[in-house]
Amino acid sequence: MCKTKIRIIIFILTLIIFILSGCGICKNGIVKEINTYDNKYKVIAFIREGGSTTGFSPQVSLIKANKKLSDSDSGNIFRCNKSKYIDIQWKDKNTLIIKYDCPDEDVFEKCNNIKDIDIEYVKVQE
């Protein structure tokens, strides 16, 4: 194989490694955690930061109370984009209120019920 082909292959492999190494830089910053009434689960509001190219994504997840949210987890109740604001609170033992300020076109997931929990949404002023 000629030296030019070897250099091209090395360059392409280096480029692939560089691109793939940037895929695992997302971080989840927990804003608030609240347990369910029976303490079996917890609701976590967090901001997912994907690095300089993706911006901030407010999200909400329901996970088992004994589990921890990892940086690879994404929201399973609510996900939106282009904001750093998210808040959660209980209205009663079976109703969760999620407050957010994302533009409607940037809301990607908006679950209305999970594990016998009804979910209400309040959009606050942007």
C-alpha atoms as a PDB file:
ATOM      1  CA  MET A   1       0.000   0.000   0.000  1.00  0.00           C
ATOM      2  CA  CYS A   2       1.364   3.407  -0.841  1.00  0.00           C
ATOM      3  CA  LYS A   3       2.099   6.018   1.836  1.00  0.00           C
ATOM      4  CA  THR A   4      -0.681   8.310   0.616  1.00  0.00           C
ATOM      5  CA  LYS A   5      -3.355   5.641   1.150  1.00  0.00           C
ATOM      6  CA  ILE A   6      -2.005   4.881   4.627  1.00  0.00           C
ATOM      7  CA  ARG A   7      -2.101   8.577   5.531  1.00  0.00           C
ATOM      8  CA  ILE A   8      -5.667   8.873   4.259  1.00  0.00           C
ATOM      9  CA  ILE A   9      -6.762   5.827   6.264  1.00  0.00           C
ATOM     10  CA  ILE A  10      -5.066   7.154   9.413  1.00  0.00           C
ATOM     11  CA  PHE A  11      -6.686  10.555   8.885  1.00  0.00           C
ATOM     12  CA  ILE A  12     -10.150   9.023   8.422  1.00  0.00           C
ATOM     13  CA  LEU A  13      -9.775   6.796  11.499  1.00  0.00           C
ATOM     14  CA  THR A  14      -8.576   9.746  13.575  1.00  0.00           C
ATOM     15  CA  LEU A  15     -11.540  11.806  12.383  1.00  0.00           C
ATOM     16  CA  ILE A  16     -13.988   9.022  13.269  1.00  0.00           C
ATOM     17  CA  ILE A  17     -12.482   8.650  16.750  1.00  0.00           C
ATOM     18  CA  PHE A  18     -12.651  12.415  17.275  1.00  0.00           C
ATOM     19  CA  ILE A  19     -16.310  12.567  16.215  1.00  0.00           C
ATOM     20  CA  LEU A  20     -17.345   9.574  18.332  1.00  0.00           C
ATOM     21  CA  SER A  21     -15.524  10.828  21.409  1.00  0.00           C
ATOM     22  CA  GLY A  22     -17.732  13.937  21.388  1.00  0.00           C
ATOM     23  CA  CYS A  23     -20.912  11.868  21.655  1.00  0.00           C
ATOM     24  CA  GLY A  24     -20.575  11.145  25.365  1.00  0.00           C
ATOM     25  CA  ILE A  25     -20.221  14.686  26.683  1.00  0.00           C
ATOM     26  CA  CYS A  26     -23.839  15.232  27.726  1.00  0.00           C
ATOM     27  CA  LYS A  27     -24.409  16.070  31.381  1.00  0.00           C
ATOM     28  CA  ASN A  28     -27.602  16.132  33.412  1.00  0.00           C
ATOM     29  CA  GLY A  29     -27.851  18.848  36.057  1.00  0.00           C
ATOM     30  CA  ILE A  30     -30.557  17.997  38.581  1.00  0.00           C
ATOM     31  CA  VAL A  31     -32.823  20.943  39.393  1.00  0.00           C
ATOM     32  CA  LYS A  32     -35.290  19.216  41.721  1.00  0.00           C
ATOM     33  CA  GLU A  33     -36.234  15.741  42.995  1.00  0.00           C
ATOM     34  CA  ILE A  34     -39.533  14.828  44.633  1.00  0.00           C
ATOM     35  CA  ASN A  35     -40.694  11.396  45.763  1.00  0.00           C
ATOM     36  CA  THR A  36     -44.045   9.892  44.908  1.00  0.00           C
ATOM     37  CA  TYR A  37     -46.579   9.590  47.711  1.00  0.00           C
ATOM     38  CA  ASP A  38     -45.724   5.908  48.277  1.00  0.00           C
ATOM     39  CA  ASN A  39     -41.942   6.550  47.998  1.00  0.00           C
ATOM     40  CA  LYS A  40     -41.559   3.859  45.306  1.00  0.00           C
ATOM     41  CA  TYR A  41     -40.524   6.368  42.652  1.00  0.00           C
ATOM     42  CA  LYS A  42     -39.060   9.821  42.371  1.00  0.00           C
ATOM     43  CA  VAL A  43     -39.660  12.534  39.822  1.00  0.00           C
ATOM     44  CA  ILE A  44     -36.547  14.373  38.707  1.00  0.00           C
ATOM     45  CA  ALA A  45     -36.467  17.711  36.900  1.00  0.00           C
ATOM     46  CA  PHE A  46     -33.121  18.295  35.249  1.00  0.00           C
ATOM     47  CA  ILE A  47     -31.349  20.293  32.569  1.00  0.00           C
ATOM     48  CA  ARG A  48     -29.560  18.214  29.977  1.00  0.00           C
ATOM     49  CA  GLU A  49     -26.540  19.982  28.538  1.00  0.00           C
ATOM     50  CA  GLY A  50     -25.184  18.427  25.379  1.00  0.00           C
ATOM     51  CA  GLY A  51     -22.160  20.627  24.891  1.00  0.00           C
ATOM     52  CA  SER A  52     -21.536  23.691  22.800  1.00  0.00           C
ATOM     53  CA  THR A  53     -23.415  22.449  19.732  1.00  0.00           C
ATOM     54  CA  THR A  54     -26.739  21.407  21.291  1.00  0.00           C
ATOM     55  CA  GLY A  55     -27.619  23.870  24.055  1.00  0.00           C
ATOM     56  CA  PHE A  56     -29.831  23.243  27.089  1.00  0.00           C
ATOM     57  CA  SER A  57     -32.781  20.871  27.333  1.00  0.00           C
ATOM     58  CA  PRO A  58     -35.136  20.891  30.357  1.00  0.00           C
ATOM     59  CA  GLN A  59     -36.414  17.372  31.034  1.00  0.00           C
ATOM     60  CA  VAL A  60     -38.421  15.399  33.591  1.00  0.00           C
ATOM     61  CA  SER A  61     -38.120  11.692  34.412  1.00  0.00           C
ATOM     62  CA  LEU A  62     -39.819   9.217  36.700  1.00  0.00           C
ATOM     63  CA  ILE A  63     -37.423   6.577  38.046  1.00  0.00           C
ATOM     64  CA  LYS A  64     -37.413   4.081  40.909  1.00  0.00           C
ATOM     65  CA  ALA A  65     -36.622   5.755  44.226  1.00  0.00           C
ATOM     66  CA  ASN A  66     -33.459   3.708  44.745  1.00  0.00           C
ATOM     67  CA  LYS A  67     -31.984   4.574  41.328  1.00  0.00           C
ATOM     68  CA  LYS A  68     -29.837   7.533  40.329  1.00  0.00           C
ATOM     69  CA  LEU A  69     -30.160   9.622  37.205  1.00  0.00           C
ATOM     70  CA  SER A  70     -27.120   9.118  34.996  1.00  0.00           C
ATOM     71  CA  ASP A  71     -25.723  11.471  32.371  1.00  0.00           C
ATOM     72  CA  SER A  72     -26.896   9.053  29.667  1.00  0.00           C
ATOM     73  CA  ASP A  73     -30.552   9.226  30.818  1.00  0.00           C
ATOM     74  CA  SER A  74     -33.067  11.416  29.056  1.00  0.00           C
ATOM     75  CA  GLY A  75     -36.529  12.500  30.163  1.00  0.00           C
ATOM     76  CA  ASN A  76     -39.308   9.907  30.007  1.00  0.00           C
ATOM     77  CA  ILE A  77     -42.107  12.342  30.927  1.00  0.00           C
ATOM     78  CA  PHE A  78     -41.145  15.691  29.437  1.00  0.00           C
ATOM     79  CA  ARG A  79     -38.433  16.944  27.073  1.00  0.00           C
ATOM     80  CA  CYS A  80     -38.002  20.314  25.432  1.00  0.00           C
ATOM     81  CA  ASN A  81     -35.214  22.503  24.130  1.00  0.00           C
ATOM     82  CA  LYS A  82     -33.769  26.028  24.268  1.00  0.00           C
ATOM     83  CA  SER A  83     -34.352  26.800  27.946  1.00  0.00           C
ATOM     84  CA  LYS A  84     -32.776  26.474  31.378  1.00  0.00           C
ATOM     85  CA  TYR A  85     -36.074  26.568  33.313  1.00  0.00           C
ATOM     86  CA  ILE A  86     -38.018  23.584  34.646  1.00  0.00           C
ATOM     87  CA  ASP A  87     -39.963  23.079  37.880  1.00  0.00           C
ATOM     88  CA  ILE A  88     -42.061  20.271  39.349  1.00  0.00           C
ATOM     89  CA  GLN A  89     -44.472  20.047  42.275  1.00  0.00           C
ATOM     90  CA  TRP A  90     -47.273  17.849  43.531  1.00  0.00           C
ATOM     91  CA  LYS A  91     -50.818  19.156  43.228  1.00  0.00           C
ATOM     92  CA  ASP A  92     -52.048  16.131  45.177  1.00  0.00           C
ATOM     93  CA  LYS A  93     -50.799  12.578  45.686  1.00  0.00           C
ATOM     94  CA  ASN A  94     -51.687  11.536  42.114  1.00  0.00           C
ATOM     95  CA  THR A  95     -51.169  14.755  40.150  1.00  0.00           C
ATOM     96  CA  LEU A  96     -47.832  16.229  39.149  1.00  0.00           C
ATOM     97  CA  ILE A  97     -47.474  19.790  37.850  1.00  0.00           C
ATOM     98  CA  ILE A  98     -44.624  20.557  35.462  1.00  0.00           C
ATOM     99  CA  LYS A  99     -43.765  24.207  34.828  1.00  0.00           C
ATOM    100  CA  TYR A 100     -41.683  25.089  31.782  1.00  0.00           C
ATOM    101  CA  ASP A 101     -40.975  28.028  29.480  1.00  0.00           C
ATOM    102  CA  CYS A 102     -39.886  26.406  26.195  1.00  0.00           C
ATOM    103  CA  PRO A 103     -41.484  27.545  22.948  1.00  0.00           C
ATOM    104  CA  ASP A 104     -44.230  25.103  21.885  1.00  0.00           C
ATOM    105  CA  GLU A 105     -42.311  24.101  18.761  1.00  0.00           C
ATOM    106  CA  ASP A 106     -39.383  23.004  20.962  1.00  0.00           C
ATOM    107  CA  VAL A 107     -41.401  20.570  23.113  1.00  0.00           C
ATOM    108  CA  PHE A 108     -40.525  17.016  22.028  1.00  0.00           C
ATOM    109  CA  GLU A 109     -42.270  14.882  24.634  1.00  0.00           C
ATOM    110  CA  LYS A 110     -45.190  15.708  26.891  1.00  0.00           C
ATOM    111  CA  CYS A 111     -46.601  12.659  28.694  1.00  0.00           C
ATOM    112  CA  ASN A 112     -50.013  13.109  30.357  1.00  0.00           C
ATOM    113  CA  ASN A 113     -50.008  10.005  32.557  1.00  0.00           C
ATOM    114  CA  ILE A 114     -47.379   7.604  33.873  1.00  0.00           C
ATOM    115  CA  LYS A 115     -47.634   4.928  36.616  1.00  0.00           C
ATOM    116  CA  ASP A 116     -51.085   6.199  37.719  1.00  0.00           C
ATOM    117  CA  ILE A 117     -49.783   9.762  37.988  1.00  0.00           C
ATOM    118  CA  ASP A 118     -51.688  12.433  36.073  1.00  0.00           C
ATOM    119  CA  ILE A 119     -49.514  15.214  34.727  1.00  0.00           C
ATOM    120  CA  GLU A 120     -50.556  18.827  34.245  1.00  0.00           C
ATOM    121  CA  TYR A 121     -48.429  21.391  32.452  1.00  0.00           C
ATOM    122  CA  VAL A 122     -48.073  25.103  33.103  1.00  0.00           C
ATOM    123  CA  LYS A 123     -46.247  27.193  30.555  1.00  0.00           C
ATOM    124  CA  VAL A 124     -44.728  30.237  32.230  1.00  0.00           C
ATOM    125  CA  GLN A 125     -43.748  33.444  30.446  1.00  0.00           C
ATOM    126  CA  GLU A 126     -40.640  33.159  28.318  1.00  0.00           C
END
